[in-house]
C-alpha atoms as a PDB file:
ATOM      1  CA  MET A   1     -38.585 -80.298  -9.772  1.00  0.00           C
ATOM      2  CA  PHE A   2     -35.566 -79.182  -7.726  1.00  0.00           C
ATOM      3  CA  ASP A   3     -36.361 -78.030  -4.204  1.00  0.00           C
ATOM      4  CA  MET A   4     -34.214 -74.953  -3.388  1.00  0.00           C
ATOM      5  CA  THR A   5     -35.260 -74.964   0.273  1.00  0.00           C
ATOM      6  CA  ARG A   6     -33.868 -78.445   0.820  1.00  0.00           C
ATOM      7  CA  ALA A   7     -30.679 -77.645  -1.113  1.00  0.00           C
ATOM      8  CA  GLN A   8     -29.989 -74.592   1.031  1.00  0.00           C
ATOM      9  CA  ARG A   9     -30.454 -76.586   4.246  1.00  0.00           C
ATOM     10  CA  ARG A  10     -27.849 -79.179   3.190  1.00  0.00           C
ATOM     11  CA  ILE A  11     -25.019 -76.631   2.855  1.00  0.00           C
ATOM     12  CA  HIS A  12     -23.401 -76.011   6.218  1.00  0.00           C
ATOM     13  CA  PRO A  13     -22.676 -72.331   7.056  1.00  0.00           C
ATOM     14  CA  ARG A  14     -19.019 -73.189   7.874  1.00  0.00           C
ATOM     15  CA  ARG A  15     -18.416 -73.861   4.162  1.00  0.00           C
ATOM     16  CA  PHE A  16     -19.078 -70.166   3.431  1.00  0.00           C
ATOM     17  CA  VAL A  17     -16.463 -68.888   5.903  1.00  0.00           C
ATOM     18  CA  PRO A  18     -13.408 -69.554   3.648  1.00  0.00           C
ATOM     19  CA  VAL A  19     -15.192 -67.992   0.649  1.00  0.00           C
ATOM     20  CA  ILE A  20     -16.095 -64.900   2.644  1.00  0.00           C
ATOM     21  CA  LEU A  21     -12.538 -64.582   4.018  1.00  0.00           C
ATOM     22  CA  VAL A  22     -11.009 -64.856   0.533  1.00  0.00           C
ATOM     23  CA  GLY A  23     -13.481 -62.263  -0.788  1.00  0.00           C
ATOM     24  CA  LEU A  24     -12.684 -59.848   2.033  1.00  0.00           C
ATOM     25  CA  SER A  25      -8.932 -60.237   1.522  1.00  0.00           C
ATOM     26  CA  LEU A  26      -9.311 -59.502  -2.207  1.00  0.00           C
ATOM     27  CA  ILE A  27     -11.367 -56.407  -1.460  1.00  0.00           C
ATOM     28  CA  ALA A  28      -8.834 -55.264   1.146  1.00  0.00           C
ATOM     29  CA  SER A  29      -5.882 -55.749  -1.211  1.00  0.00           C
ATOM     30  CA  GLY A  30      -7.764 -53.932  -3.969  1.00  0.00           C
ATOM     31  CA  CYS A  31      -8.506 -51.007  -1.669  1.00  0.00           C
ATOM     32  CA  ALA A  32      -4.903 -50.949  -0.506  1.00  0.00           C
ATOM     33  CA  THR A  33      -3.616 -50.558  -4.069  1.00  0.00           C
ATOM     34  CA  PHE A  34      -6.291 -48.040  -5.146  1.00  0.00           C
ATOM     35  CA  ARG A  35      -5.114 -44.455  -5.211  1.00  0.00           C
ATOM     36  CA  GLY A  36      -7.210 -41.377  -5.871  1.00  0.00           C
ATOM     37  CA  GLU A  37      -6.460 -38.929  -8.638  1.00  0.00           C
ATOM     38  CA  THR A  38      -3.613 -36.550  -7.791  1.00  0.00           C
ATOM     39  CA  CYS A  39      -3.986 -32.786  -8.225  1.00  0.00           C
ATOM     40  CA  GLU A  40      -1.574 -32.919 -11.167  1.00  0.00           C
ATOM     41  CA  GLN A  41      -3.723 -35.572 -12.878  1.00  0.00           C
ATOM     42  CA  PHE A  42      -6.864 -33.584 -12.089  1.00  0.00           C
ATOM     43  CA  GLU A  43      -5.428 -30.426 -13.687  1.00  0.00           C
ATOM     44  CA  ALA A  44      -4.221 -32.383 -16.735  1.00  0.00           C
ATOM     45  CA  ASN A  45      -7.634 -34.038 -17.175  1.00  0.00           C
ATOM     46  CA  ARG A  46      -9.431 -30.678 -16.939  1.00  0.00           C
ATOM     47  CA  LYS A  47      -8.036 -29.728 -20.346  1.00  0.00           C
ATOM     48  CA  ASP A  48      -9.984 -32.577 -21.986  1.00  0.00           C
ATOM     49  CA  THR A  49     -13.180 -32.195 -19.933  1.00  0.00           C
ATOM     50  CA  ASP A  50     -16.326 -30.771 -21.515  1.00  0.00           C
ATOM     51  CA  TYR A  51     -17.786 -28.218 -19.100  1.00  0.00           C
ATOM     52  CA  SER A  52     -20.818 -27.309 -21.202  1.00  0.00           C
ATOM     53  CA  THR A  53     -24.243 -28.102 -19.760  1.00  0.00           C
ATOM     54  CA  GLN A  54     -25.816 -31.218 -21.256  1.00  0.00           C
ATOM     55  CA  TYR A  55     -29.599 -30.790 -21.396  1.00  0.00           C
ATOM     56  CA  GLN A  56     -32.248 -33.437 -22.006  1.00  0.00           C
ATOM     57  CA  PHE A  57     -35.834 -32.702 -23.010  1.00  0.00           C
ATOM     58  CA  SER A  58     -38.504 -34.757 -21.228  1.00  0.00           C
ATOM     59  CA  GLU A  59     -41.796 -35.097 -23.073  1.00  0.00           C
ATOM     60  CA  PRO A  60     -43.781 -36.701 -20.191  1.00  0.00           C
ATOM     61  CA  ASP A  61     -42.566 -34.055 -17.708  1.00  0.00           C
ATOM     62  CA  SER A  62     -43.284 -31.314 -20.270  1.00  0.00           C
ATOM     63  CA  GLU A  63     -46.875 -32.521 -20.585  1.00  0.00           C
ATOM     64  CA  THR A  64     -47.270 -32.640 -16.787  1.00  0.00           C
ATOM     65  CA  ALA A  65     -45.761 -29.164 -16.392  1.00  0.00           C
ATOM     66  CA  ALA A  66     -48.052 -27.762 -19.108  1.00  0.00           C
ATOM     67  CA  LYS A  67     -51.047 -28.941 -17.062  1.00  0.00           C
ATOM     68  CA  ASN A  68     -49.734 -27.452 -13.796  1.00  0.00           C
ATOM     69  CA  PHE A  69     -48.448 -24.061 -14.998  1.00  0.00           C
ATOM     70  CA  LYS A  70     -50.201 -21.205 -16.766  1.00  0.00           C
ATOM     71  CA  PRO A  71     -49.600 -20.926 -20.537  1.00  0.00           C
ATOM     72  CA  LEU A  72     -47.250 -18.320 -21.985  1.00  0.00           C
ATOM     73  CA  PRO A  73     -49.053 -14.951 -21.853  1.00  0.00           C
ATOM     74  CA  ARG A  74     -50.072 -13.459 -25.189  1.00  0.00           C
ATOM     75  CA  GLY A  75     -47.318 -11.233 -26.573  1.00  0.00           C
ATOM     76  CA  ALA A  76     -44.615 -12.625 -24.267  1.00  0.00           C
ATOM     77  CA  ASN A  77     -41.394 -13.877 -25.847  1.00  0.00           C
ATOM     78  CA  ALA A  78     -40.293 -16.299 -23.151  1.00  0.00           C
ATOM     79  CA  MET A  79     -40.988 -17.208 -19.550  1.00  0.00           C
ATOM     80  CA  VAL A  80     -39.361 -19.616 -17.110  1.00  0.00           C
ATOM     81  CA  ARG A  81     -41.821 -21.254 -14.736  1.00  0.00           C
ATOM     82  CA  LEU A  82     -39.318 -23.523 -12.951  1.00  0.00           C
ATOM     83  CA  TYR A  83     -35.572 -23.139 -12.526  1.00  0.00           C
ATOM     84  CA  ARG A  84     -33.660 -25.093  -9.869  1.00  0.00           C
ATOM     85  CA  ILE A  85     -30.108 -26.225  -9.275  1.00  0.00           C
ATOM     86  CA  HIS A  86     -28.852 -28.930  -6.933  1.00  0.00           C
ATOM     87  CA  LEU A  87     -25.175 -29.501  -6.087  1.00  0.00           C
ATOM     88  CA  ASP A  88     -23.605 -32.910  -5.615  1.00  0.00           C
ATOM     89  CA  PRO A  89     -21.760 -33.244  -3.310  1.00  0.00           C
ATOM     90  CA  PRO A  90     -22.573 -30.179  -1.175  1.00  0.00           C
ATOM     91  CA  LYS A  91     -19.155 -30.555   0.480  1.00  0.00           C
ATOM     92  CA  VAL A  92     -16.178 -31.080  -1.799  1.00  0.00           C
ATOM     93  CA  LYS A  93     -12.381 -31.206  -1.586  1.00  0.00           C
ATOM     94  CA  PRO A  94      -9.961 -29.443  -3.933  1.00  0.00           C
ATOM     95  CA  CYS A  95      -8.909 -31.352  -7.071  1.00  0.00           C
ATOM     96  CA  ARG A  96     -12.418 -32.775  -7.434  1.00  0.00           C
ATOM     97  CA  HIS A  97     -15.501 -31.912  -9.457  1.00  0.00           C
ATOM     98  CA  LEU A  98     -18.829 -30.696  -8.189  1.00  0.00           C
ATOM     99  CA  THR A  99     -21.849 -31.675 -10.307  1.00  0.00           C
ATOM    100  CA  ILE A 100     -24.504 -29.021 -10.887  1.00  0.00           C
ATOM    101  CA  HIS A 101     -27.893 -30.622 -11.606  1.00  0.00           C
ATOM    102  CA  LYS A 102     -30.488 -28.340 -13.237  1.00  0.00           C
ATOM    103  CA  GLU A 103     -34.251 -28.353 -13.837  1.00  0.00           C
ATOM    104  CA  ILE A 104     -35.947 -25.898 -16.186  1.00  0.00           C
ATOM    105  CA  TYR A 105     -39.491 -25.494 -17.414  1.00  0.00           C
ATOM    106  CA  LEU A 106     -39.247 -22.961 -20.232  1.00  0.00           C
ATOM    107  CA  GLN A 107     -42.045 -21.463 -22.295  1.00  0.00           C
ATOM    108  CA  GLN A 108     -41.099 -19.547 -25.434  1.00  0.00           C
ATOM    109  CA  SER A 109     -42.611 -18.229 -28.630  1.00  0.00           C
ATOM    110  CA  ALA A 110     -41.905 -20.353 -31.699  1.00  0.00           C
ATOM    111  CA  ARG A 111     -41.193 -17.200 -33.723  1.00  0.00           C
ATOM    112  CA  LEU A 112     -38.750 -15.825 -31.197  1.00  0.00           C
ATOM    113  CA  ASN A 113     -35.488 -14.682 -32.758  1.00  0.00           C
ATOM    114  CA  ARG A 114     -33.266 -14.709 -29.732  1.00  0.00           C
ATOM    115  CA  THR A 115     -30.147 -15.786 -27.902  1.00  0.00           C
ATOM    116  CA  LEU A 116     -30.545 -17.630 -24.614  1.00  0.00           C
ATOM    117  CA  GLU A 117     -27.615 -17.580 -22.206  1.00  0.00           C
ATOM    118  CA  GLU A 118     -26.988 -19.160 -18.871  1.00  0.00           C
ATOM    119  CA  VAL A 119     -24.790 -17.047 -16.603  1.00  0.00           C
ATOM    120  CA  ARG A 120     -23.158 -18.699 -13.602  1.00  0.00           C
ATOM    121  CA  GLU A 121     -21.612 -16.602 -10.848  1.00  0.00           C
ATOM    122  CA  ILE A 122     -19.692 -17.872  -7.828  1.00  0.00           C
ATOM    123  CA  TYR A 123     -19.585 -15.864  -4.610  1.00  0.00           C
ATOM    124  CA  THR A 124     -17.650 -16.309  -1.379  1.00  0.00           C
ATOM    125  CA  SER A 125     -19.506 -16.380   1.954  1.00  0.00           C
ATOM    126  CA  ASP A 126     -18.962 -12.624   2.365  1.00  0.00           C
ATOM    127  CA  GLY A 127     -20.635 -11.910  -1.001  1.00  0.00           C
ATOM    128  CA  THR A 128     -17.502 -11.310  -3.104  1.00  0.00           C
ATOM    129  CA  LEU A 129     -17.916 -12.354  -6.750  1.00  0.00           C
ATOM    130  CA  ILE A 130     -14.940 -14.557  -7.688  1.00  0.00           C
ATOM    131  CA  ALA A 131     -15.934 -16.156 -11.011  1.00  0.00           C
ATOM    132  CA  THR A 132     -18.418 -15.728 -13.865  1.00  0.00           C
ATOM    133  CA  LYS A 133     -19.140 -18.054 -16.766  1.00  0.00           C
ATOM    134  CA  LYS A 134     -21.512 -17.395 -19.687  1.00  0.00           C
ATOM    135  CA  GLU A 135     -22.813 -20.222 -21.825  1.00  0.00           C
ATOM    136  CA  SER A 136     -25.061 -19.994 -24.873  1.00  0.00           C
ATOM    137  CA  VAL A 137     -27.821 -22.598 -24.382  1.00  0.00           C
ATOM    138  CA  GLY A 138     -30.428 -21.560 -26.971  1.00  0.00           C
ATOM    139  CA  ASP A 139     -29.461 -24.410 -29.299  1.00  0.00           C
ATOM    140  CA  ARG A 140     -30.137 -26.924 -26.490  1.00  0.00           C
ATOM    141  CA  LEU A 141     -33.359 -25.309 -25.237  1.00  0.00           C
ATOM    142  CA  ARG A 142     -35.035 -24.910 -28.622  1.00  0.00           C
ATOM    143  CA  THR A 143     -38.662 -25.508 -27.747  1.00  0.00           C
ATOM    144  CA  SER A 144     -40.975 -24.943 -24.823  1.00  0.00           C
ATOM    145  CA  GLY A 145     -40.793 -27.741 -22.295  1.00  0.00           C
ATOM    146  CA  TYR A 146     -39.215 -29.347 -19.272  1.00  0.00           C
ATOM    147  CA  TYR A 147     -35.456 -29.966 -19.339  1.00  0.00           C
ATOM    148  CA  THR A 148     -32.956 -31.518 -16.984  1.00  0.00           C
ATOM    149  CA  GLY A 149     -29.265 -30.858 -17.296  1.00  0.00           C
ATOM    150  CA  GLU A 150     -25.948 -31.171 -15.586  1.00  0.00           C
ATOM    151  CA  THR A 151     -22.483 -29.761 -15.782  1.00  0.00           C
ATOM    152  CA  LEU A 152     -19.260 -30.152 -13.847  1.00  0.00           C
ATOM    153  CA  LEU A 153     -17.610 -27.436 -11.777  1.00  0.00           C
ATOM    154  CA  PRO A 154     -13.887 -28.023 -11.155  1.00  0.00           C
ATOM    155  CA  ILE A 155     -12.501 -27.163  -7.708  1.00  0.00           C
ATOM    156  CA  PRO A 156      -8.818 -26.269  -8.268  1.00  0.00           C
ATOM    157  CA  GLU A 157      -6.080 -27.187  -5.783  1.00  0.00           C
ATOM    158  CA  ASN A 158      -5.587 -23.585  -4.615  1.00  0.00           C
ATOM    159  CA  THR A 159      -9.290 -22.975  -3.807  1.00  0.00           C
ATOM    160  CA  PRO A 160      -9.516 -21.460  -0.297  1.00  0.00           C
ATOM    161  CA  LEU A 161     -11.483 -23.517   2.223  1.00  0.00           C
ATOM    162  CA  GLY A 162     -14.900 -22.203   3.121  1.00  0.00           C
ATOM    163  CA  LYS A 163     -18.466 -21.730   1.954  1.00  0.00           C
ATOM    164  CA  TYR A 164     -19.475 -20.570  -1.527  1.00  0.00           C
ATOM    165  CA  ARG A 165     -22.694 -19.762  -3.350  1.00  0.00           C
ATOM    166  CA  ILE A 166     -23.486 -20.389  -7.006  1.00  0.00           C
ATOM    167  CA  VAL A 167     -26.012 -18.052  -8.625  1.00  0.00           C
ATOM    168  CA  SER A 168     -27.322 -19.223 -11.983  1.00  0.00           C
ATOM    169  CA  LYS A 169     -29.314 -16.931 -14.300  1.00  0.00           C
ATOM    170  CA  LEU A 170     -31.177 -17.577 -17.541  1.00  0.00           C
ATOM    171  CA  VAL A 171     -30.791 -14.491 -19.741  1.00  0.00           C
ATOM    172  CA  LEU A 172     -32.691 -13.602 -22.927  1.00  0.00           C
ATOM    173  CA  LYS A 173     -31.136 -11.441 -25.637  1.00  0.00           C
ATOM    174  CA  THR A 174     -33.230 -10.487 -28.655  1.00  0.00           C
ATOM    175  CA  LYS A 175     -32.028  -8.755 -31.811  1.00  0.00           C
ATOM    176  CA  LYS A 176     -34.592  -5.998 -31.297  1.00  0.00           C
ATOM    177  CA  LYS A 177     -33.283  -5.190 -27.824  1.00  0.00           C
ATOM    178  CA  SER A 178     -29.599  -4.898 -27.117  1.00  0.00           C
ATOM    179  CA  GLN A 179     -30.267  -5.085 -23.395  1.00  0.00           C
ATOM    180  CA  ALA A 180     -30.310  -8.535 -21.820  1.00  0.00           C
ATOM    181  CA  ILE A 181     -33.415  -9.614 -19.892  1.00  0.00           C
ATOM    182  CA  VAL A 182     -32.916 -11.872 -16.857  1.00  0.00           C
ATOM    183  CA  LEU A 183     -35.757 -14.387 -17.119  1.00  0.00           C
ATOM    184  CA  THR A 184     -35.028 -16.087 -13.814  1.00  0.00           C
ATOM    185  CA  LYS A 185     -32.281 -16.928 -11.349  1.00  0.00           C
ATOM    186  CA  THR A 186     -31.612 -19.504  -8.678  1.00  0.00           C
ATOM    187  CA  SER A 187     -28.818 -20.329  -6.257  1.00  0.00           C
ATOM    188  CA  ALA A 188     -27.279 -23.091  -4.154  1.00  0.00           C
ATOM    189  CA  SER A 189     -24.403 -23.293  -1.678  1.00  0.00           C
ATOM    190  CA  PHE A 190     -21.441 -25.624  -1.264  1.00  0.00           C
ATOM    191  CA  GLN A 191     -18.431 -25.931   0.995  1.00  0.00           C
ATOM    192  CA  VAL A 192     -14.776 -26.600   0.124  1.00  0.00           C
ATOM    193  CA  LEU A 193     -13.111 -28.855   2.681  1.00  0.00           C
ATOM    194  CA  SER A 194      -9.466 -29.642   3.358  1.00  0.00           C
ATOM    195  CA  ARG A 195      -7.936 -32.222   1.017  1.00  0.00           C
ATOM    196  CA  ARG A 196      -6.327 -34.011   3.981  1.00  0.00           C
END
């Protein structure tokens, strides 16, 4: 049997110095030639980017949530017990994407004939609404359960520096009622930094 301890003791540390130096020079030359995406490339790539929220159902988390939350009340169409968003990174430069991570625990009636929308609003630090996006998500949140999701938010080149707040709402629209019902809402803040 080969003894690794003895083999390691026979190799003198000086033999590693040239290998380490070569490795560091390769890394340095690679970093020197690496260039980030330009704003023009970012804008061109936005046209081919899918900005819809991708949701995944989690059976184990759904079972855990069902044990920890009350069941859907009798006669209720839908209820959201958990709705959170997390932004990554919380500080971002123009010509980059911000990732919005989402968690939802949704309870809904199996017989519910409805449309489920997610409405995202972006506000400046003084409370001015600057953007709204509506997305139909009923086909991705078909059953009761725990879901995680994420979507990208592009930060264009001309975005003013400063702090912003994203408010996300889950809205129920039924055929019986023309009025939309806000099931829940949540928010998170981010900051746009200088590109330089």
